[in-house]
Amino acid sequence: MHTVTVLTSPTCSYCHAAKNLLQQQGIDYQEVDLLQGGEQAQQLLIQSGQRTVPQIFINEKPIGGFTELSGIIANNEFDLTQSTPI
C-alpha cells in the first residue's frame, strides 16, 4: 500500500485539485500544511528541493506537484496494490 503525503497551502488551487484527485481515486493521503506544519513541512520542502506547493510524496519519494500526480494517475502508473508507482 502506498503512503501519500501532500504538502499544501490553504489558498493554493493546485493543492485543492491534487487533494480532490486523490479523493476521487480513493487514495488516502496525509496532508501537511506549509503554514502550520512546522518542522515536518520544512523537512518536506528540503526533501523535495522545491519551494512551491503542492509537493506530493509517494512512499516518502517526491514526485512533484499536481501535474505529475495527474500524469501518474492518467497513465495508470499508480497501482494501489504495489508499494511504489511504476
PDB file of N, CA and C in Angstrom:
ATOM      1  N   MET A   1       0.833  -1.176   0.000  1.00  0.00           N
ATOM      2  CA  MET A   1       0.000   0.000   0.000  1.00  0.00           C
ATOM      3  C   MET A   1       0.877   1.238   0.000  1.00  0.00           C
ATOM      4  N   HIS A   2       0.484   2.235  -0.773  1.00  0.00           N
ATOM      5  CA  HIS A   2       1.229   3.479  -0.867  1.00  0.00           C
ATOM      6  C   HIS A   2       1.004   4.348   0.360  1.00  0.00           C
ATOM      7  N   THR A   3       2.033   5.089   0.712  1.00  0.00           N
ATOM      8  CA  THR A   3       1.907   6.164   1.673  1.00  0.00           C
ATOM      9  C   THR A   3       2.034   7.456   0.879  1.00  0.00           C
ATOM     10  N   VAL A   4       0.987   8.268   0.901  1.00  0.00           N
ATOM     11  CA  VAL A   4       0.978   9.508   0.134  1.00  0.00           C
ATOM     12  C   VAL A   4       0.915  10.679   1.103  1.00  0.00           C
ATOM     13  N   THR A   5       1.823  11.628   0.915  1.00  0.00           N
ATOM     14  CA  THR A   5       1.846  12.846   1.706  1.00  0.00           C
ATOM     15  C   THR A   5       1.765  14.019   0.746  1.00  0.00           C
ATOM     16  N   VAL A   6       0.929  15.000   1.085  1.00  0.00           N
ATOM     17  CA  VAL A   6       0.756  16.178   0.249  1.00  0.00           C
ATOM     18  C   VAL A   6       1.055  17.410   1.088  1.00  0.00           C
ATOM     19  N   LEU A   7       2.080  18.153   0.683  1.00  0.00           N
ATOM     20  CA  LEU A   7       2.418  19.419   1.322  1.00  0.00           C
ATOM     21  C   LEU A   7       1.593  20.497   0.646  1.00  0.00           C
ATOM     22  N   THR A   8       0.791  21.213   1.412  1.00  0.00           N
ATOM     23  CA  THR A   8      -0.185  22.144   0.843  1.00  0.00           C
ATOM     24  C   THR A   8      -0.119  23.529   1.488  1.00  0.00           C
ATOM     25  N   SER A   9      -0.867  24.425   0.868  1.00  0.00           N
ATOM     26  CA  SER A   9      -1.120  25.748   1.408  1.00  0.00           C
ATOM     27  C   SER A   9      -2.622  25.985   1.279  1.00  0.00           C
ATOM     28  N   PRO A  10      -3.253  26.648   2.248  1.00  0.00           N
ATOM     29  CA  PRO A  10      -4.708  26.795   2.234  1.00  0.00           C
ATOM     30  C   PRO A  10      -5.266  27.531   1.009  1.00  0.00           C
ATOM     31  N   THR A  11      -4.507  28.431   0.422  1.00  0.00           N
ATOM     32  CA  THR A  11      -5.020  29.231  -0.690  1.00  0.00           C
ATOM     33  C   THR A  11      -4.577  28.722  -2.063  1.00  0.00           C
ATOM     34  N   CYS A  12      -3.931  27.592  -2.119  1.00  0.00           N
ATOM     35  CA  CYS A  12      -3.367  27.066  -3.368  1.00  0.00           C
ATOM     36  C   CYS A  12      -4.404  26.238  -4.126  1.00  0.00           C
ATOM     37  N   SER A  13      -4.772  26.693  -5.322  1.00  0.00           N
ATOM     38  CA  SER A  13      -5.778  25.969  -6.108  1.00  0.00           C
ATOM     39  C   SER A  13      -5.261  24.620  -6.586  1.00  0.00           C
ATOM     40  N   TYR A  14      -3.974  24.512  -6.898  1.00  0.00           N
ATOM     41  CA  TYR A  14      -3.424  23.217  -7.317  1.00  0.00           C
ATOM     42  C   TYR A  14      -3.379  22.226  -6.155  1.00  0.00           C
ATOM     43  N   CYS A  15      -3.228  22.742  -4.944  1.00  0.00           N
ATOM     44  CA  CYS A  15      -3.285  21.876  -3.760  1.00  0.00           C
ATOM     45  C   CYS A  15      -4.675  21.270  -3.624  1.00  0.00           C
ATOM     46  N   HIS A  16      -5.688  22.105  -3.772  1.00  0.00           N
ATOM     47  CA  HIS A  16      -7.066  21.623  -3.699  1.00  0.00           C
ATOM     48  C   HIS A  16      -7.346  20.620  -4.816  1.00  0.00           C
ATOM     49  N   ALA A  17      -6.831  20.894  -6.013  1.00  0.00           N
ATOM     50  CA  ALA A  17      -7.034  19.984  -7.145  1.00  0.00           C
ATOM     51  C   ALA A  17      -6.355  18.636  -6.888  1.00  0.00           C
ATOM     52  N   ALA A  18      -5.154  18.655  -6.327  1.00  0.00           N
ATOM     53  CA  ALA A  18      -4.439  17.410  -6.036  1.00  0.00           C
ATOM     54  C   ALA A  18      -5.192  16.583  -4.991  1.00  0.00           C
ATOM     55  N   LYS A  19      -5.664  17.246  -3.948  1.00  0.00           N
ATOM     56  CA  LYS A  19      -6.411  16.529  -2.905  1.00  0.00           C
ATOM     57  C   LYS A  19      -7.716  15.967  -3.473  1.00  0.00           C
ATOM     58  N   ASN A  20      -8.402  16.741  -4.313  1.00  0.00           N
ATOM     59  CA  ASN A  20      -9.638  16.250  -4.934  1.00  0.00           C
ATOM     60  C   ASN A  20      -9.374  15.048  -5.829  1.00  0.00           C
ATOM     61  N   LEU A  21      -8.294  15.093  -6.602  1.00  0.00           N
ATOM     62  CA  LEU A  21      -7.943  13.970  -7.465  1.00  0.00           C
ATOM     63  C   LEU A  21      -7.665  12.714  -6.649  1.00  0.00           C
ATOM     64  N   LEU A  22      -6.914  12.858  -5.581  1.00  0.00           N
ATOM     65  CA  LEU A  22      -6.631  11.704  -4.717  1.00  0.00           C
ATOM     66  C   LEU A  22      -7.919  11.148  -4.125  1.00  0.00           C
ATOM     67  N   GLN A  23      -8.805  12.022  -3.680  1.00  0.00           N
ATOM     68  CA  GLN A  23     -10.073  11.578  -3.105  1.00  0.00           C
ATOM     69  C   GLN A  23     -10.926  10.874  -4.152  1.00  0.00           C
ATOM     70  N   GLN A  24     -10.978  11.413  -5.381  1.00  0.00           N
ATOM     71  CA  GLN A  24     -11.751  10.792  -6.450  1.00  0.00           C
ATOM     72  C   GLN A  24     -11.240   9.391  -6.774  1.00  0.00           C
ATOM     73  N   GLN A  25      -9.945   9.194  -6.627  1.00  0.00           N
ATOM     74  CA  GLN A  25      -9.339   7.895  -6.916  1.00  0.00           C
ATOM     75  C   GLN A  25      -9.390   6.951  -5.714  1.00  0.00           C
ATOM     76  N   GLY A  26      -9.887   7.443  -4.588  1.00  0.00           N
ATOM     77  CA  GLY A  26      -9.964   6.625  -3.379  1.00  0.00           C
ATOM     78  C   GLY A  26      -8.615   6.384  -2.733  1.00  0.00           C
ATOM     79  N   ILE A  27      -7.705   7.327  -2.920  1.00  0.00           N
ATOM     80  CA  ILE A  27      -6.349   7.206  -2.389  1.00  0.00           C
ATOM     81  C   ILE A  27      -6.252   8.012  -1.093  1.00  0.00           C
ATOM     82  N   ASP A  28      -5.924   7.336  -0.014  1.00  0.00           N
ATOM     83  CA  ASP A  28      -5.732   8.009   1.271  1.00  0.00           C
ATOM     84  C   ASP A  28      -4.417   8.769   1.246  1.00  0.00           C
ATOM     85  N   TYR A  29      -4.397   9.899   1.920  1.00  0.00           N
ATOM     86  CA  TYR A  29      -3.189  10.707   1.968  1.00  0.00           C
ATOM     87  C   TYR A  29      -3.121  11.455   3.288  1.00  0.00           C
ATOM     88  N   GLN A  30      -1.908  11.871   3.617  1.00  0.00           N
ATOM     89  CA  GLN A  30      -1.675  12.716   4.777  1.00  0.00           C
ATOM     90  C   GLN A  30      -1.398  14.119   4.250  1.00  0.00           C
ATOM     91  N   GLU A  31      -2.083  15.108   4.777  1.00  0.00           N
ATOM     92  CA  GLU A  31      -1.862  16.490   4.378  1.00  0.00           C
ATOM     93  C   GLU A  31      -1.003  17.189   5.419  1.00  0.00           C
ATOM     94  N   VAL A  32       0.004  17.902   4.938  1.00  0.00           N
ATOM     95  CA  VAL A  32       0.843  18.725   5.805  1.00  0.00           C
ATOM     96  C   VAL A  32       0.724  20.158   5.303  1.00  0.00           C
ATOM     97  N   ASP A  33       0.198  21.024   6.135  1.00  0.00           N
ATOM     98  CA  ASP A  33       0.017  22.431   5.787  1.00  0.00           C
ATOM     99  C   ASP A  33       1.355  23.149   5.922  1.00  0.00           C
ATOM    100  N   LEU A  34       1.765  23.809   4.845  1.00  0.00           N
ATOM    101  CA  LEU A  34       3.040  24.516   4.836  1.00  0.00           C
ATOM    102  C   LEU A  34       3.116  25.564   5.927  1.00  0.00           C
ATOM    103  N   LEU A  35       2.000  26.245   6.193  1.00  0.00           N
ATOM    104  CA  LEU A  35       1.994  27.336   7.156  1.00  0.00           C
ATOM    105  C   LEU A  35       1.928  26.864   8.597  1.00  0.00           C
ATOM    106  N   GLN A  36       1.366  25.682   8.837  1.00  0.00           N
ATOM    107  CA  GLN A  36       1.199  25.205  10.203  1.00  0.00           C
ATOM    108  C   GLN A  36       1.915  23.884  10.470  1.00  0.00           C
ATOM    109  N   GLY A  37       2.613  23.369   9.472  1.00  0.00           N
ATOM    110  CA  GLY A  37       3.256  22.065   9.595  1.00  0.00           C
ATOM    111  C   GLY A  37       4.588  22.074  10.301  1.00  0.00           C
ATOM    112  N   GLY A  38       5.096  23.265  10.600  1.00  0.00           N
ATOM    113  CA  GLY A  38       6.331  23.389  11.362  1.00  0.00           C
ATOM    114  C   GLY A  38       7.510  22.663  10.755  1.00  0.00           C
ATOM    115  N   GLU A  39       8.205  21.921  11.592  1.00  0.00           N
ATOM    116  CA  GLU A  39       9.422  21.215  11.195  1.00  0.00           C
ATOM    117  C   GLU A  39       9.151  20.182  10.105  1.00  0.00           C
ATOM    118  N   GLN A  40       8.026  19.484  10.176  1.00  0.00           N
ATOM    119  CA  GLN A  40       7.705  18.480   9.165  1.00  0.00           C
ATOM    120  C   GLN A  40       7.562  19.131   7.786  1.00  0.00           C
ATOM    121  N   ALA A  41       6.900  20.277   7.714  1.00  0.00           N
ATOM    122  CA  ALA A  41       6.742  20.995   6.446  1.00  0.00           C
ATOM    123  C   ALA A  41       8.096  21.432   5.908  1.00  0.00           C
ATOM    124  N   GLN A  42       8.947  21.941   6.766  1.00  0.00           N
ATOM    125  CA  GLN A  42      10.280  22.374   6.335  1.00  0.00           C
ATOM    126  C   GLN A  42      11.104  21.201   5.817  1.00  0.00           C
ATOM    127  N   GLN A  43      11.012  20.066   6.486  1.00  0.00           N
ATOM    128  CA  GLN A  43      11.753  18.882   6.043  1.00  0.00           C
ATOM    129  C   GLN A  43      11.258  18.391   4.686  1.00  0.00           C
ATOM    130  N   LEU A  44       9.943  18.472   4.455  1.00  0.00           N
ATOM    131  CA  LEU A  44       9.400  18.062   3.160  1.00  0.00           C
ATOM    132  C   LEU A  44       9.886  18.992   2.052  1.00  0.00           C
ATOM    133  N   LEU A  45       9.948  20.300   2.328  1.00  0.00           N
ATOM    134  CA  LEU A  45      10.479  21.234   1.341  1.00  0.00           C
ATOM    135  C   LEU A  45      11.933  20.912   1.006  1.00  0.00           C
ATOM    136  N   ILE A  46      12.711  20.636   2.013  1.00  0.00           N
ATOM    137  CA  ILE A  46      14.114  20.283   1.802  1.00  0.00           C
ATOM    138  C   ILE A  46      14.208  18.996   0.989  1.00  0.00           C
ATOM    139  N   GLN A  47      13.401  18.008   1.345  1.00  0.00           N
ATOM    140  CA  GLN A  47      13.422  16.713   0.666  1.00  0.00           C
ATOM    141  C   GLN A  47      13.035  16.851  -0.806  1.00  0.00           C
ATOM    142  N   SER A  48      12.058  17.702  -1.091  1.00  0.00           N
ATOM    143  CA  SER A  48      11.604  17.857  -2.474  1.00  0.00           C
ATOM    144  C   SER A  48      12.567  18.708  -3.296  1.00  0.00           C
ATOM    145  N   GLY A  49      13.290  19.615  -2.645  1.00  0.00           N
ATOM    146  CA  GLY A  49      14.164  20.526  -3.363  1.00  0.00           C
ATOM    147  C   GLY A  49      13.410  21.644  -4.055  1.00  0.00           C
ATOM    148  N   GLN A  50      12.125  21.786  -3.759  1.00  0.00           N
ATOM    149  CA  GLN A  50      11.276  22.796  -4.390  1.00  0.00           C
ATOM    150  C   GLN A  50      10.776  23.784  -3.340  1.00  0.00           C
ATOM    151  N   ARG A  51      10.256  24.903  -3.821  1.00  0.00           N
ATOM    152  CA  ARG A  51       9.700  25.920  -2.930  1.00  0.00           C
ATOM    153  C   ARG A  51       8.239  26.202  -3.247  1.00  0.00           C
ATOM    154  N   THR A  52       7.603  25.331  -3.994  1.00  0.00           N
ATOM    155  CA  THR A  52       6.209  25.529  -4.382  1.00  0.00           C
ATOM    156  C   THR A  52       5.346  24.415  -3.813  1.00  0.00           C
ATOM    157  N   VAL A  53       4.060  24.665  -3.757  1.00  0.00           N
ATOM    158  CA  VAL A  53       3.104  23.652  -3.338  1.00  0.00           C
ATOM    159  C   VAL A  53       2.074  23.477  -4.437  1.00  0.00           C
ATOM    160  N   PRO A  54       1.477  22.320  -4.531  1.00  0.00           N
ATOM    161  CA  PRO A  54       1.682  21.176  -3.657  1.00  0.00           C
ATOM    162  C   PRO A  54       2.984  20.452  -3.991  1.00  0.00           C
ATOM    163  N   GLN A  55       3.513  19.795  -3.016  1.00  0.00           N
ATOM    164  CA  GLN A  55       4.591  18.838  -3.207  1.00  0.00           C
ATOM    165  C   GLN A  55       4.034  17.497  -2.748  1.00  0.00           C
ATOM    166  N   ILE A  56       4.106  16.525  -3.616  1.00  0.00           N
ATOM    167  CA  ILE A  56       3.485  15.233  -3.344  1.00  0.00           C
ATOM    168  C   ILE A  56       4.571  14.181  -3.216  1.00  0.00           C
ATOM    169  N   PHE A  57       4.422  13.349  -2.202  1.00  0.00           N
ATOM    170  CA  PHE A  57       5.380  12.294  -1.912  1.00  0.00           C
ATOM    171  C   PHE A  57       4.647  10.959  -1.913  1.00  0.00           C
ATOM    172  N   ILE A  58       5.189   9.997  -2.617  1.00  0.00           N
ATOM    173  CA  ILE A  58       4.661   8.637  -2.592  1.00  0.00           C
ATOM    174  C   ILE A  58       5.739   7.759  -1.985  1.00  0.00           C
ATOM    175  N   ASN A  59       5.401   7.115  -0.879  1.00  0.00           N
ATOM    176  CA  ASN A  59       6.373   6.315  -0.128  1.00  0.00           C
ATOM    177  C   ASN A  59       7.632   7.125   0.169  1.00  0.00           C
ATOM    178  N   GLU A  60       7.419   8.365   0.597  1.00  0.00           N
ATOM    179  CA  GLU A  60       8.461   9.303   1.002  1.00  0.00           C
ATOM    180  C   GLU A  60       9.334   9.784  -0.145  1.00  0.00           C
ATOM    181  N   LYS A  61       8.994   9.440  -1.391  1.00  0.00           N
ATOM    182  CA  LYS A  61       9.743   9.884  -2.563  1.00  0.00           C
ATOM    183  C   LYS A  61       8.988  11.039  -3.214  1.00  0.00           C
ATOM    184  N   PRO A  62       9.653  12.196  -3.401  1.00  0.00           N
ATOM    185  CA  PRO A  62       8.962  13.310  -4.036  1.00  0.00           C
ATOM    186  C   PRO A  62       8.695  13.024  -5.509  1.00  0.00           C
ATOM    187  N   ILE A  63       7.450  13.239  -5.932  1.00  0.00           N
ATOM    188  CA  ILE A  63       7.096  13.010  -7.335  1.00  0.00           C
ATOM    189  C   ILE A  63       6.822  14.321  -8.059  1.00  0.00           C
ATOM    190  N   GLY A  64       6.706  15.429  -7.348  1.00  0.00           N
ATOM    191  CA  GLY A  64       6.389  16.720  -7.946  1.00  0.00           C
ATOM    192  C   GLY A  64       5.068  17.235  -7.433  1.00  0.00           C
ATOM    193  N   GLY A  65       4.353  17.943  -8.301  1.00  0.00           N
ATOM    194  CA  GLY A  65       3.103  18.572  -7.904  1.00  0.00           C
ATOM    195  C   GLY A  65       1.891  17.948  -8.561  1.00  0.00           C
ATOM    196  N   PHE A  66       0.862  18.768  -8.752  1.00  0.00           N
ATOM    197  CA  PHE A  66      -0.400  18.293  -9.311  1.00  0.00           C
ATOM    198  C   PHE A  66      -0.220  17.703 -10.711  1.00  0.00           C
ATOM    199  N   THR A  67       0.546  18.361 -11.559  1.00  0.00           N
ATOM    200  CA  THR A  67       0.729  17.892 -12.933  1.00  0.00           C
ATOM    201  C   THR A  67       1.336  16.497 -12.968  1.00  0.00           C
ATOM    202  N   GLU A  68       2.349  16.275 -12.156  1.00  0.00           N
ATOM    203  CA  GLU A  68       2.995  14.960 -12.116  1.00  0.00           C
ATOM    204  C   GLU A  68       2.063  13.903 -11.541  1.00  0.00           C
ATOM    205  N   LEU A  69       1.319  14.266 -10.496  1.00  0.00           N
ATOM    206  CA  LEU A  69       0.360  13.332  -9.902  1.00  0.00           C
ATOM    207  C   LEU A  69      -0.706  12.940 -10.920  1.00  0.00           C
ATOM    208  N   SER A  70      -1.274  13.925 -11.610  1.00  0.00           N
ATOM    209  CA  SER A  70      -2.326  13.609 -12.574  1.00  0.00           C
ATOM    210  C   SER A  70      -1.785  12.766 -13.714  1.00  0.00           C
ATOM    211  N   GLY A  71      -0.531  12.976 -14.102  1.00  0.00           N
ATOM    212  CA  GLY A  71       0.083  12.154 -15.136  1.00  0.00           C
ATOM    213  C   GLY A  71       0.257  10.710 -14.700  1.00  0.00           C
ATOM    214  N   ILE A  72       0.695  10.510 -13.474  1.00  0.00           N
ATOM    215  CA  ILE A  72       0.861   9.156 -12.937  1.00  0.00           C
ATOM    216  C   ILE A  72      -0.479   8.435 -12.908  1.00  0.00           C
ATOM    217  N   ILE A  73      -1.512   9.131 -12.468  1.00  0.00           N
ATOM    218  CA  ILE A  73      -2.838   8.514 -12.392  1.00  0.00           C
ATOM    219  C   ILE A  73      -3.402   8.276 -13.787  1.00  0.00           C
ATOM    220  N   ALA A  74      -3.278   9.243 -14.694  1.00  0.00           N
ATOM    221  CA  ALA A  74      -3.808   9.106 -16.054  1.00  0.00           C
ATOM    222  C   ALA A  74      -3.139   7.965 -16.818  1.00  0.00           C
ATOM    223  N   ASN A  75      -1.863   7.739 -16.546  1.00  0.00           N
ATOM    224  CA  ASN A  75      -1.119   6.679 -17.223  1.00  0.00           C
ATOM    225  C   ASN A  75      -1.200   5.339 -16.498  1.00  0.00           C
ATOM    226  N   ASN A  76      -2.095   5.258 -15.513  1.00  0.00           N
ATOM    227  CA  ASN A  76      -2.278   4.032 -14.733  1.00  0.00           C
ATOM    228  C   ASN A  76      -0.979   3.544 -14.109  1.00  0.00           C
ATOM    229  N   GLU A  77      -0.140   4.477 -13.702  1.00  0.00           N
ATOM    230  CA  GLU A  77       1.125   4.127 -13.055  1.00  0.00           C
ATOM    231  C   GLU A  77       0.987   4.070 -11.539  1.00  0.00           C
ATOM    232  N   PHE A  78      -0.175   4.410 -11.036  1.00  0.00           N
ATOM    233  CA  PHE A  78      -0.408   4.392  -9.595  1.00  0.00           C
ATOM    234  C   PHE A  78      -1.254   3.176  -9.285  1.00  0.00           C
ATOM    235  N   ASP A  79      -0.596   2.095  -8.951  1.00  0.00           N
ATOM    236  CA  ASP A  79      -1.272   0.837  -8.660  1.00  0.00           C
ATOM    237  C   ASP A  79      -1.389   0.705  -7.148  1.00  0.00           C
ATOM    238  N   LEU A  80      -2.618   0.694  -6.667  1.00  0.00           N
ATOM    239  CA  LEU A  80      -2.829   0.645  -5.224  1.00  0.00           C
ATOM    240  C   LEU A  80      -2.339  -0.645  -4.590  1.00  0.00           C
ATOM    241  N   THR A  81      -2.064  -1.666  -5.399  1.00  0.00           N
ATOM    242  CA  THR A  81      -1.599  -2.934  -4.835  1.00  0.00           C
ATOM    243  C   THR A  81      -0.078  -3.007  -4.752  1.00  0.00           C
ATOM    244  N   GLN A  82       0.608  -2.056  -5.369  1.00  0.00           N
ATOM    245  CA  GLN A  82       2.077  -2.074  -5.354  1.00  0.00           C
ATOM    246  C   GLN A  82       2.601  -1.142  -4.281  1.00  0.00           C
ATOM    247  N   SER A  83       3.854  -1.337  -3.931  1.00  0.00           N
ATOM    248  CA  SER A  83       4.448  -0.483  -2.906  1.00  0.00           C
ATOM    249  C   SER A  83       5.059   0.781  -3.489  1.00  0.00           C
ATOM    250  N   THR A  84       5.289   0.826  -4.793  1.00  0.00           N
ATOM    251  CA  THR A  84       5.806   2.023  -5.441  1.00  0.00           C
ATOM    252  C   THR A  84       5.130   2.210  -6.775  1.00  0.00           C
ATOM    253  N   PRO A  85       5.041   3.467  -7.252  1.00  0.00           N
ATOM    254  CA  PRO A  85       4.475   3.669  -8.580  1.00  0.00           C
ATOM    255  C   PRO A  85       5.405   3.084  -9.629  1.00  0.00           C
ATOM    256  N   ILE A  86       4.863   2.697 -10.746  1.00  0.00           N
ATOM    257  CA  ILE A  86       5.667   2.086 -11.820  1.00  0.00           C
ATOM    258  C   ILE A  86       6.609   3.111 -12.387  1.00  0.00           C
TER     259      ILE A  86
END
